[in-house]
Amino acid sequence: MSPSAALMAAAEGGIIGDGRTGANLALGVGLLGLAIGRLALGRAGNRISSRRARTGGRTAIAVGLAGTVLGVLHAATAGGGPGTGNGLVGAIVAIPLGLGAILLGRRALTRRRAEPTAGQVAG
């Protein structure tokens, strides 16, 4: 499917659903990204699970990006204003949730890198 055809289908509501469905999907993905990012951030300080923290951080970034894109896409294609049942408010709320997941994932990755390794002296 070409990008222009995908945008036309999204504008008609064919990709992410009608009404609140797309907004609920974006909210769910954003919340999932926040949960993964929080877990990764908690594991970043632990030496035993540092590999999982890196994987979790990358996953949180990817899921947060997907939630943000879904929220923006639904907000752009929602007809009517807030309170019309088209999910505009949910899509607007999903955007900062996805961005928060991206930030938590990035922080987990940078906290993981900032830890001294066995050969380095902490100072």
Protein backbone atom coordinates (compact mmCIF):
# COMPACT_ATOMS: atom_id res chain seq x y z
CA MET A 1 0.00 0.00 0.00
CA SER A 2 1.42 3.35 -0.97
CA PRO A 3 1.81 6.07 1.67
CA SER A 4 -0.79 8.28 0.02
CA ALA A 5 -3.31 5.42 -0.06
CA ALA A 6 -2.60 4.68 3.62
CA LEU A 7 -3.24 8.31 4.56
CA MET A 8 -6.49 8.35 2.60
CA ALA A 9 -7.65 5.15 4.32
CA ALA A 10 -6.69 6.62 7.70
CA ALA A 11 -8.61 9.81 6.94
CA GLU A 12 -11.69 7.74 6.15
CA GLY A 13 -11.31 5.78 9.40
CA GLY A 14 -10.33 2.52 7.77
CA ILE A 15 -7.02 1.90 9.52
CA ILE A 16 -7.37 2.82 13.16
CA GLY A 17 -11.12 2.53 13.57
CA ASP A 18 -14.06 4.83 13.94
CA GLY A 19 -15.02 6.86 16.94
CA ARG A 20 -13.30 5.99 20.16
CA THR A 21 -11.71 2.76 18.96
CA GLY A 22 -8.58 4.40 17.59
CA ALA A 23 -8.23 6.65 20.62
CA ASN A 24 -8.60 3.69 23.00
CA LEU A 25 -5.99 1.79 21.04
CA ALA A 26 -3.60 4.73 21.22
CA LEU A 27 -4.27 5.11 24.97
CA GLY A 28 -3.64 1.41 25.56
CA VAL A 29 -0.40 1.44 23.61
CA GLY A 30 0.75 4.58 25.43
CA LEU A 31 -0.02 3.08 28.85
CA LEU A 32 1.75 -0.14 27.89
CA GLY A 33 4.79 1.87 26.86
CA LEU A 34 4.76 3.71 30.19
CA ALA A 35 4.59 0.44 32.10
CA ILE A 36 7.47 -1.06 30.11
CA GLY A 37 9.51 2.12 30.52
CA ARG A 38 8.93 2.16 34.27
CA LEU A 39 10.02 -1.46 34.59
CA ALA A 40 13.10 -0.80 32.47
CA LEU A 41 13.98 2.23 34.56
CA GLY A 42 13.68 0.16 37.72
CA ARG A 43 15.96 -2.50 36.29
CA ALA A 44 18.53 -0.02 35.01
CA GLY A 45 20.05 0.44 38.46
CA ASN A 46 20.34 -3.30 39.03
CA ARG A 47 23.57 -4.89 37.81
CA ILE A 48 22.00 -8.32 37.35
CA SER A 49 19.26 -7.22 34.94
CA SER A 50 21.16 -4.62 32.96
CA ARG A 51 20.57 -6.48 29.69
CA ARG A 52 16.85 -6.54 30.35
CA ALA A 53 16.93 -2.85 31.15
CA ARG A 54 18.48 -2.10 27.76
CA THR A 55 15.93 -4.27 25.97
CA GLY A 56 13.10 -2.78 28.01
CA GLY A 57 14.30 0.75 27.30
CA ARG A 58 14.36 0.12 23.57
CA THR A 59 10.96 -1.55 23.73
CA ALA A 60 9.49 1.38 25.68
CA ILE A 61 10.79 3.79 23.07
CA ALA A 62 9.29 1.76 20.23
CA VAL A 63 5.93 1.26 21.92
CA GLY A 64 5.80 4.91 23.02
CA LEU A 65 6.53 6.04 19.49
CA ALA A 66 3.74 3.81 18.18
CA GLY A 67 1.31 5.22 20.76
CA THR A 68 2.26 8.78 19.90
CA VAL A 69 1.88 8.19 16.17
CA LEU A 70 -1.50 6.51 16.68
CA GLY A 71 -2.66 9.39 18.87
CA VAL A 72 -1.54 12.04 16.40
CA LEU A 73 -3.05 10.17 13.47
CA HIS A 74 -6.38 9.74 15.23
CA ALA A 75 -6.44 13.35 16.43
CA ALA A 76 -5.74 14.55 12.90
CA THR A 77 -8.51 12.45 11.37
CA ALA A 78 -11.18 12.78 14.09
CA GLY A 79 -14.22 14.65 12.89
CA GLY A 80 -15.90 17.13 15.20
CA GLY A 81 -14.61 18.51 18.44
CA PRO A 82 -14.25 17.30 21.99
CA GLY A 83 -17.35 15.60 23.36
CA THR A 84 -18.73 14.48 20.00
CA GLY A 85 -17.86 10.82 20.53
CA ASN A 86 -15.08 10.72 17.98
CA GLY A 87 -12.30 10.07 20.50
CA LEU A 88 -10.50 13.37 20.05
CA VAL A 89 -9.87 13.85 23.78
CA GLY A 90 -8.54 10.29 24.13
CA ALA A 91 -6.20 10.83 21.20
CA ILE A 92 -4.93 14.07 22.71
CA VAL A 93 -4.30 12.31 26.04
CA ALA A 94 -2.52 9.44 24.27
CA ILE A 95 0.12 11.76 22.81
CA PRO A 96 1.79 12.72 26.13
CA LEU A 97 1.48 9.13 27.34
CA GLY A 98 3.49 7.94 24.34
CA LEU A 99 6.01 10.75 24.77
CA GLY A 100 6.36 9.84 28.44
CA ALA A 101 7.09 6.24 27.48
CA ILE A 102 9.76 7.45 25.05
CA LEU A 103 11.35 9.58 27.77
CA LEU A 104 11.29 6.75 30.32
CA GLY A 105 12.86 4.36 27.82
CA ARG A 106 15.55 6.88 26.96
CA ARG A 107 16.27 7.53 30.61
CA ALA A 108 16.59 3.80 31.25
CA LEU A 109 19.09 3.55 28.40
CA THR A 110 21.15 6.53 29.57
CA ARG A 111 21.11 5.35 33.18
CA ARG A 112 22.34 1.98 31.98
CA ARG A 113 25.23 3.59 30.08
CA ALA A 114 26.17 5.91 32.93
CA GLU A 115 26.91 3.08 35.35
CA PRO A 116 30.61 2.30 35.79
CA THR A 117 31.75 -1.08 34.55
CA ALA A 118 33.87 -3.49 36.59
CA GLY A 119 37.17 -1.99 35.32
CA GLN A 120 36.22 1.63 35.96
CA VAL A 121 36.50 3.46 39.24
CA ALA A 122 33.34 5.16 40.44
CA GLY A 123 34.04 8.73 41.37
